[in-house]
Amino acid sequence: MNFRIIKIGTMTRRDMMRSFFRWALYSVMLLVFFVIQCTFPFLKWKPLLTVSLAVAVAVFEGELGGVIFAAVAGMVTDMAVGGLFGFTSIWLVPCCLMVTLLVVNLIHRNIINFAWMNICVLVIIDFMELLFKYIIWRNPDIDVIIMRFMLPSTVTAVILALPIFLLVRLINKKLGLDTTDKDIVSVFDEADREED
């Protein structure tokens, strides 16, 4: 199996404007989810909506765009939940890169595939936070942290991820670039052509 990438040629002015508005809408969604995560007044835990948004964007965008958005979303998540700045980005960036590569190379863009990939990313991020913040330091209240903070946060993010996916899909359908099968090229085929 060859590794494939999405190759986009020159963009027209209309394509550039559509791309600008698409990323502006993603940024507005990130800001809204940041505010929601910061201002949940009645709960001690924060839903990880920005992580689910990063995974949804990674499903529909290319490798570079998905990774950069994941890095920003990870930093925004750390600001919202009061974690170490950049900690979530360390884990979210490779996860979103894998999501993009899976979508480009192996699986279809649909809500079921998004749901299981989102759950996997949320579990990885929660496990890394649990490992580096509590298990290594031998915190005796790990069960309380899991049951009162992490589990409700993850379950809420999984439930609210479905509308997030539908909204990102709508934005991408209205403002996205039309990529066809001819735009997805094999890296090895392109290298062979360059050698000739």
N, C-alpha and C. Protein backbone atom coordinates (compact mmCIF):
# COMPACT_ATOMS: atom_id res chain seq x y z
N MET A 1 0.84 -1.18 0.00
CA MET A 1 0.00 0.00 0.00
C MET A 1 0.88 1.24 0.00
N ASN A 2 0.59 2.13 -0.88
CA ASN A 2 1.32 3.39 -0.95
C ASN A 2 0.70 4.41 -0.03
N PHE A 3 1.53 5.25 0.54
CA PHE A 3 1.06 6.37 1.35
C PHE A 3 0.55 7.46 0.42
N ARG A 4 -0.67 7.94 0.66
CA ARG A 4 -1.27 8.93 -0.21
C ARG A 4 -1.43 10.25 0.51
N ILE A 5 -1.38 11.31 -0.23
CA ILE A 5 -1.61 12.65 0.30
C ILE A 5 -2.58 13.38 -0.62
N ILE A 6 -3.18 14.43 -0.10
CA ILE A 6 -4.05 15.26 -0.92
C ILE A 6 -3.20 16.36 -1.51
N LYS A 7 -3.17 16.42 -2.84
CA LYS A 7 -2.38 17.44 -3.52
C LYS A 7 -3.34 18.46 -4.11
N ILE A 8 -3.18 19.68 -3.68
CA ILE A 8 -4.04 20.75 -4.16
C ILE A 8 -3.20 21.67 -5.03
N GLY A 9 -3.67 21.89 -6.22
CA GLY A 9 -2.94 22.75 -7.16
C GLY A 9 -3.13 24.21 -6.81
N THR A 10 -2.95 25.05 -7.81
CA THR A 10 -3.08 26.48 -7.58
C THR A 10 -4.52 26.82 -7.23
N MET A 11 -4.66 27.78 -6.33
CA MET A 11 -5.99 28.16 -5.86
C MET A 11 -6.41 29.46 -6.52
N THR A 12 -7.66 29.53 -6.90
CA THR A 12 -8.21 30.76 -7.44
C THR A 12 -8.53 31.71 -6.28
N ARG A 13 -8.86 32.92 -6.63
CA ARG A 13 -9.22 33.89 -5.59
C ARG A 13 -10.47 33.43 -4.83
N ARG A 14 -11.40 32.84 -5.54
CA ARG A 14 -12.63 32.32 -4.91
C ARG A 14 -12.28 31.20 -3.93
N ASP A 15 -11.38 30.30 -4.31
CA ASP A 15 -10.96 29.22 -3.43
C ASP A 15 -10.25 29.75 -2.19
N MET A 16 -9.46 30.79 -2.38
CA MET A 16 -8.75 31.38 -1.24
C MET A 16 -9.73 32.04 -0.26
N MET A 17 -10.74 32.70 -0.77
CA MET A 17 -11.75 33.32 0.10
C MET A 17 -12.55 32.25 0.83
N ARG A 18 -12.91 31.18 0.13
CA ARG A 18 -13.65 30.09 0.77
C ARG A 18 -12.80 29.46 1.87
N SER A 19 -11.53 29.28 1.60
CA SER A 19 -10.62 28.70 2.59
C SER A 19 -10.49 29.63 3.79
N PHE A 20 -10.38 30.93 3.55
CA PHE A 20 -10.28 31.89 4.65
C PHE A 20 -11.52 31.85 5.54
N PHE A 21 -12.70 31.87 4.92
CA PHE A 21 -13.94 31.86 5.71
C PHE A 21 -14.13 30.52 6.43
N ARG A 22 -13.70 29.42 5.82
CA ARG A 22 -13.80 28.11 6.46
C ARG A 22 -12.94 28.09 7.73
N TRP A 23 -11.70 28.54 7.62
CA TRP A 23 -10.83 28.54 8.80
C TRP A 23 -11.27 29.59 9.82
N ALA A 24 -11.87 30.67 9.36
CA ALA A 24 -12.40 31.66 10.30
C ALA A 24 -13.56 31.07 11.09
N LEU A 25 -14.42 30.30 10.43
CA LEU A 25 -15.52 29.65 11.15
C LEU A 25 -15.00 28.60 12.12
N TYR A 26 -13.97 27.84 11.74
CA TYR A 26 -13.37 26.89 12.68
C TYR A 26 -12.82 27.62 13.89
N SER A 27 -12.20 28.77 13.67
CA SER A 27 -11.64 29.55 14.77
C SER A 27 -12.72 30.10 15.68
N VAL A 28 -13.83 30.54 15.10
CA VAL A 28 -14.95 31.03 15.90
C VAL A 28 -15.52 29.89 16.74
N MET A 29 -15.65 28.71 16.13
CA MET A 29 -16.13 27.55 16.90
C MET A 29 -15.18 27.23 18.04
N LEU A 30 -13.88 27.30 17.79
CA LEU A 30 -12.90 27.04 18.84
C LEU A 30 -13.03 28.05 19.97
N LEU A 31 -13.24 29.31 19.62
CA LEU A 31 -13.42 30.35 20.63
C LEU A 31 -14.70 30.12 21.45
N VAL A 32 -15.79 29.76 20.77
CA VAL A 32 -17.05 29.50 21.47
C VAL A 32 -16.91 28.31 22.42
N PHE A 33 -16.25 27.23 21.96
CA PHE A 33 -16.07 26.07 22.82
C PHE A 33 -15.12 26.37 23.98
N PHE A 34 -14.15 27.24 23.75
CA PHE A 34 -13.27 27.68 24.84
C PHE A 34 -14.07 28.41 25.90
N VAL A 35 -14.94 29.30 25.48
CA VAL A 35 -15.77 30.04 26.43
C VAL A 35 -16.70 29.09 27.18
N ILE A 36 -17.28 28.12 26.47
CA ILE A 36 -18.15 27.14 27.14
C ILE A 36 -17.36 26.35 28.16
N GLN A 37 -16.15 25.91 27.80
CA GLN A 37 -15.34 25.14 28.74
C GLN A 37 -14.93 25.96 29.95
N CYS A 38 -14.70 27.24 29.77
CA CYS A 38 -14.28 28.10 30.88
C CYS A 38 -15.43 28.50 31.79
N THR A 39 -16.64 28.54 31.27
CA THR A 39 -17.74 29.12 32.03
C THR A 39 -18.83 28.12 32.38
N PHE A 40 -18.51 26.86 32.50
CA PHE A 40 -19.50 25.92 33.00
C PHE A 40 -19.62 26.15 34.50
N PRO A 41 -20.58 26.97 34.95
CA PRO A 41 -20.58 27.40 36.34
C PRO A 41 -21.05 26.33 37.33
N PHE A 42 -21.83 25.36 36.86
CA PHE A 42 -22.43 24.43 37.80
C PHE A 42 -21.69 23.10 37.89
N LEU A 43 -20.58 22.96 37.17
CA LEU A 43 -19.85 21.70 37.16
C LEU A 43 -18.40 21.92 37.57
N LYS A 44 -17.81 20.92 38.22
CA LYS A 44 -16.39 20.99 38.56
C LYS A 44 -15.52 20.48 37.43
N TRP A 45 -16.10 19.73 36.50
CA TRP A 45 -15.34 19.18 35.37
C TRP A 45 -15.66 19.96 34.11
N LYS A 46 -14.77 19.91 33.17
CA LYS A 46 -14.92 20.65 31.91
C LYS A 46 -15.05 19.66 30.76
N PRO A 47 -16.05 19.82 29.91
CA PRO A 47 -16.15 18.95 28.73
C PRO A 47 -15.06 19.32 27.72
N LEU A 48 -14.45 18.33 27.12
CA LEU A 48 -13.34 18.56 26.20
C LEU A 48 -13.86 18.80 24.78
N LEU A 49 -14.64 19.84 24.60
CA LEU A 49 -15.23 20.15 23.30
C LEU A 49 -14.18 20.57 22.28
N THR A 50 -13.13 21.24 22.72
CA THR A 50 -12.11 21.68 21.79
C THR A 50 -11.33 20.51 21.22
N VAL A 51 -11.18 19.45 21.99
CA VAL A 51 -10.51 18.24 21.48
C VAL A 51 -11.37 17.58 20.41
N SER A 52 -12.65 17.47 20.66
CA SER A 52 -13.56 16.88 19.66
C SER A 52 -13.61 17.72 18.39
N LEU A 53 -13.55 19.04 18.55
CA LEU A 53 -13.51 19.92 17.38
C LEU A 53 -12.23 19.69 16.58
N ALA A 54 -11.11 19.53 17.26
CA ALA A 54 -9.84 19.29 16.56
C ALA A 54 -9.88 17.97 15.79
N VAL A 55 -10.49 16.95 16.36
CA VAL A 55 -10.60 15.67 15.66
C VAL A 55 -11.52 15.81 14.45
N ALA A 56 -12.62 16.54 14.59
CA ALA A 56 -13.53 16.74 13.46
C ALA A 56 -12.86 17.52 12.34
N VAL A 57 -12.09 18.53 12.68
CA VAL A 57 -11.36 19.29 11.66
C VAL A 57 -10.32 18.40 10.99
N ALA A 58 -9.66 17.55 11.77
CA ALA A 58 -8.66 16.64 11.19
C ALA A 58 -9.28 15.64 10.22
N VAL A 59 -10.53 15.29 10.43
CA VAL A 59 -11.22 14.38 9.51
C VAL A 59 -11.42 15.03 8.15
N PHE A 60 -11.70 16.32 8.12
CA PHE A 60 -12.06 16.99 6.87
C PHE A 60 -10.94 17.78 6.22
N GLU A 61 -9.90 18.10 6.94
CA GLU A 61 -8.83 18.92 6.39
C GLU A 61 -7.60 18.07 6.09
N GLY A 62 -6.62 18.68 5.46
CA GLY A 62 -5.38 18.00 5.13
C GLY A 62 -4.48 17.84 6.34
N GLU A 63 -3.32 17.24 6.09
CA GLU A 63 -2.40 16.93 7.18
C GLU A 63 -1.91 18.18 7.90
N LEU A 64 -1.43 19.15 7.15
CA LEU A 64 -0.85 20.35 7.76
C LEU A 64 -1.91 21.16 8.49
N GLY A 65 -3.05 21.39 7.86
CA GLY A 65 -4.11 22.17 8.50
C GLY A 65 -4.64 21.50 9.75
N GLY A 66 -4.82 20.18 9.69
CA GLY A 66 -5.31 19.45 10.85
C GLY A 66 -4.34 19.47 12.01
N VAL A 67 -3.05 19.38 11.72
CA VAL A 67 -2.04 19.37 12.77
C VAL A 67 -1.91 20.75 13.41
N ILE A 68 -1.91 21.79 12.62
CA ILE A 68 -1.80 23.15 13.18
C ILE A 68 -3.03 23.47 14.02
N PHE A 69 -4.20 23.11 13.52
CA PHE A 69 -5.41 23.36 14.30
C PHE A 69 -5.41 22.54 15.59
N ALA A 70 -4.89 21.31 15.53
CA ALA A 70 -4.81 20.48 16.74
C ALA A 70 -3.88 21.09 17.76
N ALA A 71 -2.76 21.66 17.31
CA ALA A 71 -1.83 22.30 18.25
C ALA A 71 -2.49 23.49 18.94
N VAL A 72 -3.19 24.30 18.18
CA VAL A 72 -3.88 25.46 18.77
C VAL A 72 -5.00 25.00 19.69
N ALA A 73 -5.77 23.99 19.26
CA ALA A 73 -6.86 23.48 20.09
C ALA A 73 -6.34 22.87 21.38
N GLY A 74 -5.19 22.21 21.33
CA GLY A 74 -4.60 21.66 22.54
C GLY A 74 -4.19 22.74 23.53
N MET A 75 -3.61 23.83 23.02
CA MET A 75 -3.23 24.93 23.89
C MET A 75 -4.46 25.62 24.48
N VAL A 76 -5.50 25.76 23.67
CA VAL A 76 -6.74 26.36 24.16
C VAL A 76 -7.36 25.47 25.23
N THR A 77 -7.31 24.16 25.03
CA THR A 77 -7.84 23.23 26.03
C THR A 77 -7.08 23.37 27.35
N ASP A 78 -5.77 23.47 27.27
CA ASP A 78 -4.98 23.63 28.50
C ASP A 78 -5.31 24.92 29.22
N MET A 79 -5.56 26.00 28.47
CA MET A 79 -5.97 27.26 29.12
C MET A 79 -7.34 27.12 29.76
N ALA A 80 -8.23 26.37 29.12
CA ALA A 80 -9.60 26.26 29.63
C ALA A 80 -9.68 25.39 30.88
N VAL A 81 -8.93 24.30 30.91
CA VAL A 81 -9.03 23.40 32.06
C VAL A 81 -7.97 23.67 33.12
N GLY A 82 -7.10 24.62 32.87
CA GLY A 82 -6.09 24.97 33.87
C GLY A 82 -4.94 24.00 33.93
N GLY A 83 -4.62 23.38 32.82
CA GLY A 83 -3.51 22.44 32.79
C GLY A 83 -2.21 23.11 32.38
N LEU A 84 -1.16 22.31 32.31
CA LEU A 84 0.14 22.80 31.86
C LEU A 84 0.05 23.19 30.40
N PHE A 85 0.46 24.40 30.07
CA PHE A 85 0.29 24.94 28.72
C PHE A 85 1.08 24.10 27.71
N GLY A 86 0.39 23.54 26.73
CA GLY A 86 1.01 22.73 25.69
C GLY A 86 0.97 21.24 25.95
N PHE A 87 0.54 20.82 27.14
CA PHE A 87 0.52 19.40 27.47
C PHE A 87 -0.44 18.62 26.58
N THR A 88 -1.63 19.15 26.39
CA THR A 88 -2.60 18.47 25.54
C THR A 88 -2.17 18.48 24.08
N SER A 89 -1.51 19.53 23.66
CA SER A 89 -1.02 19.60 22.27
C SER A 89 -0.03 18.51 21.96
N ILE A 90 0.78 18.14 22.94
CA ILE A 90 1.78 17.08 22.72
C ILE A 90 1.10 15.79 22.29
N TRP A 91 -0.06 15.51 22.82
CA TRP A 91 -0.77 14.26 22.51
C TRP A 91 -1.80 14.44 21.40
N LEU A 92 -2.36 15.63 21.31
CA LEU A 92 -3.41 15.87 20.31
C LEU A 92 -2.86 15.97 18.90
N VAL A 93 -1.69 16.54 18.73
CA VAL A 93 -1.11 16.71 17.39
C VAL A 93 -0.87 15.36 16.70
N PRO A 94 -0.16 14.39 17.32
CA PRO A 94 0.01 13.11 16.63
C PRO A 94 -1.30 12.34 16.45
N CYS A 95 -2.21 12.49 17.41
CA CYS A 95 -3.51 11.81 17.26
C CYS A 95 -4.28 12.36 16.05
N CYS A 96 -4.31 13.68 15.89
CA CYS A 96 -5.02 14.27 14.76
C CYS A 96 -4.31 13.98 13.44
N LEU A 97 -2.99 13.88 13.47
CA LEU A 97 -2.27 13.48 12.26
C LEU A 97 -2.65 12.07 11.86
N MET A 98 -2.75 11.18 12.83
CA MET A 98 -3.16 9.80 12.53
C MET A 98 -4.61 9.76 12.01
N VAL A 99 -5.47 10.59 12.57
CA VAL A 99 -6.86 10.64 12.09
C VAL A 99 -6.89 11.06 10.63
N THR A 100 -6.14 12.10 10.29
CA THR A 100 -6.11 12.57 8.90
C THR A 100 -5.55 11.51 7.97
N LEU A 101 -4.47 10.87 8.37
CA LEU A 101 -3.89 9.83 7.52
C LEU A 101 -4.81 8.63 7.37
N LEU A 102 -5.51 8.27 8.42
CA LEU A 102 -6.49 7.18 8.32
C LEU A 102 -7.61 7.53 7.34
N VAL A 103 -8.10 8.76 7.43
CA VAL A 103 -9.20 9.17 6.55
C VAL A 103 -8.74 9.24 5.09
N VAL A 104 -7.54 9.73 4.88
CA VAL A 104 -7.04 9.85 3.50
C VAL A 104 -6.72 8.48 2.91
N ASN A 105 -6.17 7.57 3.71
CA ASN A 105 -5.65 6.32 3.18
C ASN A 105 -6.53 5.09 3.39
N LEU A 106 -7.33 5.02 4.45
CA LEU A 106 -7.99 3.76 4.76
C LEU A 106 -9.50 3.81 4.92
N ILE A 107 -10.01 4.81 5.58
CA ILE A 107 -11.42 4.77 5.96
C ILE A 107 -12.19 5.93 5.34
N HIS A 108 -13.51 5.83 5.41
CA HIS A 108 -14.39 6.87 4.86
C HIS A 108 -14.68 7.93 5.91
N ARG A 109 -15.04 9.10 5.41
CA ARG A 109 -15.45 10.19 6.29
C ARG A 109 -16.93 10.01 6.61
N ASN A 110 -17.21 9.40 7.73
CA ASN A 110 -18.60 9.31 8.17
C ASN A 110 -18.66 9.43 9.68
N ILE A 111 -19.85 9.52 10.20
CA ILE A 111 -20.02 9.83 11.61
C ILE A 111 -19.61 8.67 12.51
N ILE A 112 -19.74 7.45 12.03
CA ILE A 112 -19.35 6.29 12.84
C ILE A 112 -17.83 6.24 12.99
N ASN A 113 -17.11 6.42 11.89
CA ASN A 113 -15.65 6.43 11.98
C ASN A 113 -15.16 7.60 12.82
N PHE A 114 -15.82 8.75 12.69
CA PHE A 114 -15.44 9.88 13.53
C PHE A 114 -15.68 9.57 15.00
N ALA A 115 -16.79 8.93 15.31
CA ALA A 115 -17.12 8.65 16.71
C ALA A 115 -16.07 7.77 17.36
N TRP A 116 -15.68 6.69 16.70
CA TRP A 116 -14.69 5.82 17.36
C TRP A 116 -13.31 6.46 17.40
N MET A 117 -12.96 7.26 16.36
CA MET A 117 -11.66 7.95 16.42
C MET A 117 -11.65 9.01 17.52
N ASN A 118 -12.77 9.72 17.69
CA ASN A 118 -12.87 10.73 18.73
C ASN A 118 -12.77 10.09 20.11
N ILE A 119 -13.42 8.96 20.30
CA ILE A 119 -13.34 8.26 21.59
C ILE A 119 -11.90 7.83 21.86
N CYS A 120 -11.23 7.31 20.85
CA CYS A 120 -9.82 6.90 21.03
C CYS A 120 -8.94 8.08 21.41
N VAL A 121 -9.11 9.20 20.74
CA VAL A 121 -8.30 10.39 21.04
C VAL A 121 -8.58 10.89 22.46
N LEU A 122 -9.85 10.94 22.84
CA LEU A 122 -10.20 11.39 24.19
C LEU A 122 -9.62 10.46 25.25
N VAL A 123 -9.67 9.15 25.01
CA VAL A 123 -9.12 8.20 25.97
C VAL A 123 -7.61 8.35 26.07
N ILE A 124 -6.94 8.53 24.94
CA ILE A 124 -5.48 8.72 24.97
C ILE A 124 -5.11 9.98 25.75
N ILE A 125 -5.80 11.07 25.49
CA ILE A 125 -5.49 12.32 26.18
C ILE A 125 -5.78 12.21 27.68
N ASP A 126 -6.92 11.60 28.03
CA ASP A 126 -7.23 11.42 29.45
C ASP A 126 -6.23 10.49 30.14
N PHE A 127 -5.82 9.42 29.45
CA PHE A 127 -4.86 8.50 30.04
C PHE A 127 -3.50 9.18 30.26
N MET A 128 -3.07 9.97 29.28
CA MET A 128 -1.79 10.66 29.44
C MET A 128 -1.84 11.68 30.58
N GLU A 129 -2.96 12.36 30.70
CA GLU A 129 -3.10 13.29 31.82
C GLU A 129 -3.11 12.54 33.14
N LEU A 130 -3.81 11.43 33.19
CA LEU A 130 -3.85 10.62 34.40
C LEU A 130 -2.46 10.08 34.74
N LEU A 131 -1.76 9.60 33.73
CA LEU A 131 -0.43 9.04 33.96
C LEU A 131 0.56 10.08 34.46
N PHE A 132 0.66 11.20 33.75
CA PHE A 132 1.69 12.18 34.08
C PHE A 132 1.33 13.11 35.24
N LYS A 133 0.05 13.25 35.55
CA LYS A 133 -0.32 14.14 36.65
C LYS A 133 -0.65 13.42 37.95
N TYR A 134 -1.04 12.13 37.87
CA TYR A 134 -1.51 11.47 39.07
C TYR A 134 -0.82 10.14 39.35
N ILE A 135 -0.69 9.27 38.36
CA ILE A 135 -0.12 7.95 38.60
C ILE A 135 1.36 8.04 38.95
N ILE A 136 2.11 8.82 38.20
CA ILE A 136 3.54 8.95 38.47
C ILE A 136 3.79 9.53 39.86
N TRP A 137 2.95 10.45 40.28
CA TRP A 137 3.13 11.08 41.59
C TRP A 137 2.43 10.31 42.70
N ARG A 138 1.86 9.16 42.37
CA ARG A 138 1.21 8.25 43.34
C ARG A 138 0.14 8.96 44.16
N ASN A 139 -0.73 9.63 43.46
CA ASN A 139 -1.84 10.32 44.09
C ASN A 139 -2.84 9.27 44.56
N PRO A 140 -3.22 9.27 45.84
CA PRO A 140 -4.14 8.24 46.33
C PRO A 140 -5.59 8.42 45.89
N ASP A 141 -5.93 9.57 45.34
CA ASP A 141 -7.32 9.84 44.96
C ASP A 141 -7.58 9.65 43.47
N ILE A 142 -6.91 8.69 42.85
CA ILE A 142 -7.06 8.48 41.41
C ILE A 142 -8.49 8.07 41.06
N ASP A 143 -9.09 7.22 41.87
CA ASP A 143 -10.45 6.78 41.58
C ASP A 143 -11.45 7.93 41.64
N VAL A 144 -11.25 8.86 42.56
CA VAL A 144 -12.13 10.03 42.65
C VAL A 144 -11.94 10.92 41.42
N ILE A 145 -10.70 11.10 41.00
CA ILE A 145 -10.40 11.93 39.83
C ILE A 145 -11.03 11.34 38.58
N ILE A 146 -10.92 10.02 38.45
CA ILE A 146 -11.50 9.36 37.27
C ILE A 146 -13.01 9.47 37.27
N MET A 147 -13.65 9.16 38.39
CA MET A 147 -15.12 9.11 38.44
C MET A 147 -15.77 10.50 38.46
N ARG A 148 -15.16 11.46 39.12
CA ARG A 148 -15.80 12.77 39.27
C ARG A 148 -15.40 13.78 38.21
N PHE A 149 -14.23 13.61 37.60
CA PHE A 149 -13.76 14.61 36.66
C PHE A 149 -13.58 14.07 35.24
N MET A 150 -12.77 13.04 35.11
CA MET A 150 -12.42 12.58 33.76
C MET A 150 -13.56 11.86 33.05
N LEU A 151 -14.23 10.96 33.72
CA LEU A 151 -15.30 10.21 33.08
C LEU A 151 -16.47 11.11 32.63
N PRO A 152 -16.98 12.01 33.49
CA PRO A 152 -18.05 12.90 33.01
C PRO A 152 -17.60 13.81 31.86
N SER A 153 -16.36 14.28 31.94
CA SER A 153 -15.83 15.14 30.88
C SER A 153 -15.76 14.40 29.55
N THR A 154 -15.28 13.17 29.57
CA THR A 154 -15.16 12.38 28.34
C THR A 154 -16.53 11.99 27.80
N VAL A 155 -17.43 11.57 28.65
CA VAL A 155 -18.78 11.18 28.19
C VAL A 155 -19.50 12.38 27.57
N THR A 156 -19.40 13.53 28.20
CA THR A 156 -20.03 14.73 27.64
C THR A 156 -19.41 15.10 26.29
N ALA A 157 -18.09 14.99 26.19
CA ALA A 157 -17.43 15.31 24.92
C ALA A 157 -17.84 14.33 23.83
N VAL A 158 -18.01 13.07 24.17
CA VAL A 158 -18.44 12.08 23.18
C VAL A 158 -19.87 12.37 22.71
N ILE A 159 -20.75 12.71 23.63
CA ILE A 159 -22.15 12.99 23.26
C ILE A 159 -22.25 14.26 22.42
N LEU A 160 -21.52 15.30 22.81
CA LEU A 160 -21.60 16.58 22.09
C LEU A 160 -20.74 16.60 20.83
N ALA A 161 -19.93 15.56 20.63
CA ALA A 161 -19.07 15.50 19.44
C ALA A 161 -19.87 15.27 18.17
N LEU A 162 -21.00 14.62 18.26
CA LEU A 162 -21.79 14.34 17.06
C LEU A 162 -22.34 15.61 16.42
N PRO A 163 -22.92 16.55 17.19
CA PRO A 163 -23.29 17.82 16.55
C PRO A 163 -22.09 18.62 16.05
N ILE A 164 -20.96 18.50 16.75
CA ILE A 164 -19.74 19.18 16.29
C ILE A 164 -19.33 18.64 14.93
N PHE A 165 -19.35 17.32 14.79
CA PHE A 165 -19.00 16.70 13.50
C PHE A 165 -19.94 17.17 12.39
N LEU A 166 -21.24 17.21 12.68
CA LEU A 166 -22.20 17.63 11.65
C LEU A 166 -21.99 19.09 11.27
N LEU A 167 -21.65 19.93 12.22
CA LEU A 167 -21.41 21.34 11.93
C LEU A 167 -20.13 21.52 11.10
N VAL A 168 -19.07 20.80 11.46
CA VAL A 168 -17.82 20.88 10.69
C VAL A 168 -18.04 20.33 9.29
N ARG A 169 -18.81 19.26 9.17
CA ARG A 169 -19.10 18.70 7.84
C ARG A 169 -19.89 19.69 6.99
N LEU A 170 -20.84 20.40 7.59
CA LEU A 170 -21.61 21.40 6.87
C LEU A 170 -20.70 22.55 6.40
N ILE A 171 -19.83 23.02 7.28
CA ILE A 171 -18.90 24.08 6.90
C ILE A 171 -18.00 23.62 5.77
N ASN A 172 -17.50 22.39 5.87
CA ASN A 172 -16.61 21.88 4.84
C ASN A 172 -17.34 21.66 3.52
N LYS A 173 -18.59 21.25 3.59
CA LYS A 173 -19.36 21.04 2.36
C LYS A 173 -19.65 22.36 1.66
N LYS A 174 -19.95 23.40 2.43
CA LYS A 174 -20.28 24.70 1.84
C LYS A 174 -19.05 25.49 1.41
N LEU A 175 -17.97 25.39 2.20
CA LEU A 175 -16.81 26.25 1.95
C LEU A 175 -15.53 25.47 1.63
N GLY A 176 -15.61 24.17 1.57
CA GLY A 176 -14.40 23.38 1.35
C GLY A 176 -14.01 23.32 -0.11
N LEU A 177 -12.76 22.95 -0.34
CA LEU A 177 -12.28 22.74 -1.69
C LEU A 177 -12.76 21.39 -2.18
N ASP A 178 -13.12 21.32 -3.42
CA ASP A 178 -13.58 20.06 -3.98
C ASP A 178 -12.36 19.22 -4.35
N THR A 179 -12.12 18.18 -3.55
CA THR A 179 -11.02 17.27 -3.86
C THR A 179 -11.60 16.00 -4.46
N THR A 180 -11.05 15.59 -5.56
CA THR A 180 -11.50 14.37 -6.22
C THR A 180 -10.42 13.31 -6.08
N ASP A 181 -10.68 12.15 -6.64
CA ASP A 181 -9.70 11.07 -6.57
C ASP A 181 -8.41 11.43 -7.29
N LYS A 182 -8.49 12.27 -8.30
CA LYS A 182 -7.26 12.64 -9.01
C LYS A 182 -6.39 13.57 -8.17
N ASP A 183 -6.97 14.22 -7.13
CA ASP A 183 -6.18 15.07 -6.25
C ASP A 183 -5.42 14.27 -5.20
N ILE A 184 -5.84 13.03 -4.96
CA ILE A 184 -5.15 12.17 -4.01
C ILE A 184 -4.14 11.36 -4.78
N VAL A 185 -2.88 11.64 -4.56
CA VAL A 185 -1.82 10.99 -5.32
C VAL A 185 -0.93 10.21 -4.38
N SER A 186 -0.31 9.20 -4.91
CA SER A 186 0.63 8.41 -4.13
C SER A 186 1.96 9.14 -4.09
N VAL A 187 2.57 9.16 -2.94
CA VAL A 187 3.86 9.82 -2.78
C VAL A 187 4.91 9.11 -3.63
N PHE A 188 4.82 7.79 -3.70
CA PHE A 188 5.80 7.03 -4.46
C PHE A 188 5.64 7.24 -5.96
N ASP A 189 4.40 7.36 -6.45
CA ASP A 189 4.18 7.64 -7.86
C ASP A 189 4.74 9.00 -8.24
N GLU A 190 4.55 9.98 -7.36
CA GLU A 190 5.05 11.32 -7.63
C GLU A 190 6.58 11.33 -7.62
N ALA A 191 7.20 10.57 -6.74
CA ALA A 191 8.66 10.49 -6.69
C ALA A 191 9.21 9.80 -7.95
N ASP A 192 8.49 8.78 -8.44
CA ASP A 192 8.91 8.11 -9.67
C ASP A 192 8.85 9.07 -10.87
N ARG A 193 7.81 9.89 -10.90
CA ARG A 193 7.68 10.86 -12.00
C ARG A 193 8.78 11.91 -11.94
N GLU A 194 9.18 12.30 -10.73
CA GLU A 194 10.24 13.29 -10.61
C GLU A 194 11.60 12.74 -11.02
N GLU A 195 11.81 11.44 -10.84
CA GLU A 195 13.07 10.83 -11.23
C GLU A 195 13.22 10.76 -12.75
N ASP A 196 12.08 10.59 -13.44
CA ASP A 196 12.12 10.48 -14.93
C ASP A 196 12.34 11.78 -15.59
